[in-house]
C-alpha atoms as a PDB file:
ATOM      1  CA  MET A   1      72.696 105.657 120.128  1.00  0.00           C
ATOM      2  CA  LEU A   2      72.615 102.199 118.606  1.00  0.00           C
ATOM      3  CA  TYR A   3      72.350  98.771 120.217  1.00  0.00           C
ATOM      4  CA  ILE A   4      74.847  96.316 118.749  1.00  0.00           C
ATOM      5  CA  PRO A   5      73.908  92.655 119.405  1.00  0.00           C
ATOM      6  CA  ARG A   6      76.686  90.181 120.169  1.00  0.00           C
ATOM      7  CA  GLY A   7      78.437  89.044 116.985  1.00  0.00           C
ATOM      8  CA  PHE A   8      76.876  91.782 114.856  1.00  0.00           C
ATOM      9  CA  GLY A   9      79.169  93.413 112.321  1.00  0.00           C
ATOM     10  CA  HIS A  10      78.752  97.167 112.359  1.00  0.00           C
ATOM     11  CA  GLY A  11      80.265 100.268 110.886  1.00  0.00           C
ATOM     12  CA  PHE A  12      79.352 103.877 110.443  1.00  0.00           C
ATOM     13  CA  ARG A  13      80.473 106.997 108.663  1.00  0.00           C
ATOM     14  CA  THR A  14      79.932 110.447 110.072  1.00  0.00           C
ATOM     15  CA  LEU A  15      78.602 113.234 107.901  1.00  0.00           C
ATOM     16  CA  THR A  16      79.988 116.067 110.036  1.00  0.00           C
ATOM     17  CA  ASP A  17      83.256 116.709 111.865  1.00  0.00           C
ATOM     18  CA  ASP A  18      81.682 117.031 115.318  1.00  0.00           C
ATOM     19  CA  VAL A  19      80.125 113.639 116.126  1.00  0.00           C
ATOM     20  CA  GLU A  20      79.765 111.520 119.231  1.00  0.00           C
ATOM     21  CA  PHE A  21      78.639 107.967 118.540  1.00  0.00           C
ATOM     22  CA  CYS A  22      77.543 105.784 121.439  1.00  0.00           C
ATOM     23  CA  TYR A  23      76.613 102.147 121.284  1.00  0.00           C
ATOM     24  CA  LYS A  24      75.431  99.687 123.890  1.00  0.00           C
ATOM     25  CA  VAL A  25      76.741  96.165 124.155  1.00  0.00           C
ATOM     26  CA  ASP A  26      75.892  93.224 126.393  1.00  0.00           C
ATOM     27  CA  ASN A  27      79.257  92.854 128.128  1.00  0.00           C
ATOM     28  CA  LEU A  28      82.617  94.474 128.840  1.00  0.00           C
ATOM     29  CA  TYR A  29      85.146  94.861 126.018  1.00  0.00           C
ATOM     30  CA  SER A  30      87.124  91.670 125.440  1.00  0.00           C
ATOM     31  CA  PRO A  31      90.206  92.235 123.241  1.00  0.00           C
ATOM     32  CA  GLU A  32      90.591  88.513 122.518  1.00  0.00           C
ATOM     33  CA  CYS A  33      87.084  88.491 121.006  1.00  0.00           C
ATOM     34  CA  ASP A  34      87.589  91.622 118.909  1.00  0.00           C
ATOM     35  CA  ARG A  35      87.307  91.003 115.172  1.00  0.00           C
ATOM     36  CA  GLY A  36      87.122  93.144 112.089  1.00  0.00           C
ATOM     37  CA  ILE A  37      86.387  92.975 108.399  1.00  0.00           C
ATOM     38  CA  ARG A  38      87.493  95.317 105.662  1.00  0.00           C
ATOM     39  CA  PHE A  39      85.125  98.294 105.424  1.00  0.00           C
ATOM     40  CA  ASP A  40      85.359  98.463 101.623  1.00  0.00           C
ATOM     41  CA  ASP A  41      85.076  94.733 100.908  1.00  0.00           C
ATOM     42  CA  PRO A  42      83.394  94.509  97.488  1.00  0.00           C
ATOM     43  CA  ALA A  43      81.608  91.302  98.562  1.00  0.00           C
ATOM     44  CA  ILE A  44      79.657  93.326 101.139  1.00  0.00           C
ATOM     45  CA  GLY A  45      78.933  96.150  98.708  1.00  0.00           C
ATOM     46  CA  VAL A  46      78.479  99.181 100.961  1.00  0.00           C
ATOM     47  CA  ASP A  47      78.749 102.466  99.089  1.00  0.00           C
ATOM     48  CA  TRP A  48      80.542 104.647 101.633  1.00  0.00           C
ATOM     49  CA  GLY A  49      80.949 107.509  99.199  1.00  0.00           C
ATOM     50  CA  GLU A  50      84.318 109.224  99.186  1.00  0.00           C
ATOM     51  CA  VAL A  51      86.364 108.037 102.175  1.00  0.00           C
ATOM     52  CA  ARG A  52      89.451 109.874 103.387  1.00  0.00           C
ATOM     53  CA  LYS A  53      91.674 106.923 104.129  1.00  0.00           C
ATOM     54  CA  ASP A  54      94.060 109.128 106.112  1.00  0.00           C
ATOM     55  CA  LEU A  55      91.292 109.328 108.752  1.00  0.00           C
ATOM     56  CA  LEU A  56      90.885 105.544 109.081  1.00  0.00           C
ATOM     57  CA  SER A  57      92.521 103.683 111.935  1.00  0.00           C
ATOM     58  CA  SER A  58      95.296 101.224 111.123  1.00  0.00           C
ATOM     59  CA  LYS A  59      93.001  98.500 112.473  1.00  0.00           C
ATOM     60  CA  ASP A  60      90.342  99.380 109.877  1.00  0.00           C
ATOM     61  CA  MET A  61      92.866  99.777 107.056  1.00  0.00           C
ATOM     62  CA  ASN A  62      94.440  96.384 107.772  1.00  0.00           C
ATOM     63  CA  ALA A  63      91.281  94.389 108.451  1.00  0.00           C
ATOM     64  CA  PRO A  64      90.860  91.298 106.260  1.00  0.00           C
ATOM     65  CA  LEU A  65      88.180  90.784 103.657  1.00  0.00           C
ATOM     66  CA  LEU A  66      85.155  88.896 104.964  1.00  0.00           C
ATOM     67  CA  ALA A  67      86.163  85.760 103.033  1.00  0.00           C
ATOM     68  CA  ASP A  68      89.627  85.869 104.643  1.00  0.00           C
ATOM     69  CA  SER A  69      88.533  86.751 108.179  1.00  0.00           C
ATOM     70  CA  ASP A  70      88.259  84.506 111.198  1.00  0.00           C
ATOM     71  CA  CYS A  71      84.792  85.861 111.999  1.00  0.00           C
ATOM     72  CA  ASN A  72      83.067  82.632 112.861  1.00  0.00           C
ATOM     73  CA  PHE A  73      80.273  83.856 115.100  1.00  0.00           C
ATOM     74  CA  VAL A  74      77.311  81.502 115.457  1.00  0.00           C
ATOM     75  CA  TYR A  75      74.168  82.970 117.035  1.00  0.00           C
ATOM     76  CA  GLY A  76      73.412  81.379 120.387  1.00  0.00           C
ATOM     77  CA  GLN A  77      76.996  80.276 121.053  1.00  0.00           C
ATOM     78  CA  ILE A  78      79.563  82.125 123.116  1.00  0.00           C
END
């Protein structure tokens, strides 16, 4: 289990086929506040290893690069 603070960008990759990932947030899901950034953005530089793109969601595949995103979270503001 992982706690994800408000506005925190997060991602994970499983190492086995049988995984349950749970995370705790501070409020109910709000679709209008949902944002994403491209998982393989070279500006972020995460080495995910080999990724089977056929297993990625369309949301993840079509997410913008960080520089092109509308992620404008400022800590302490809602």
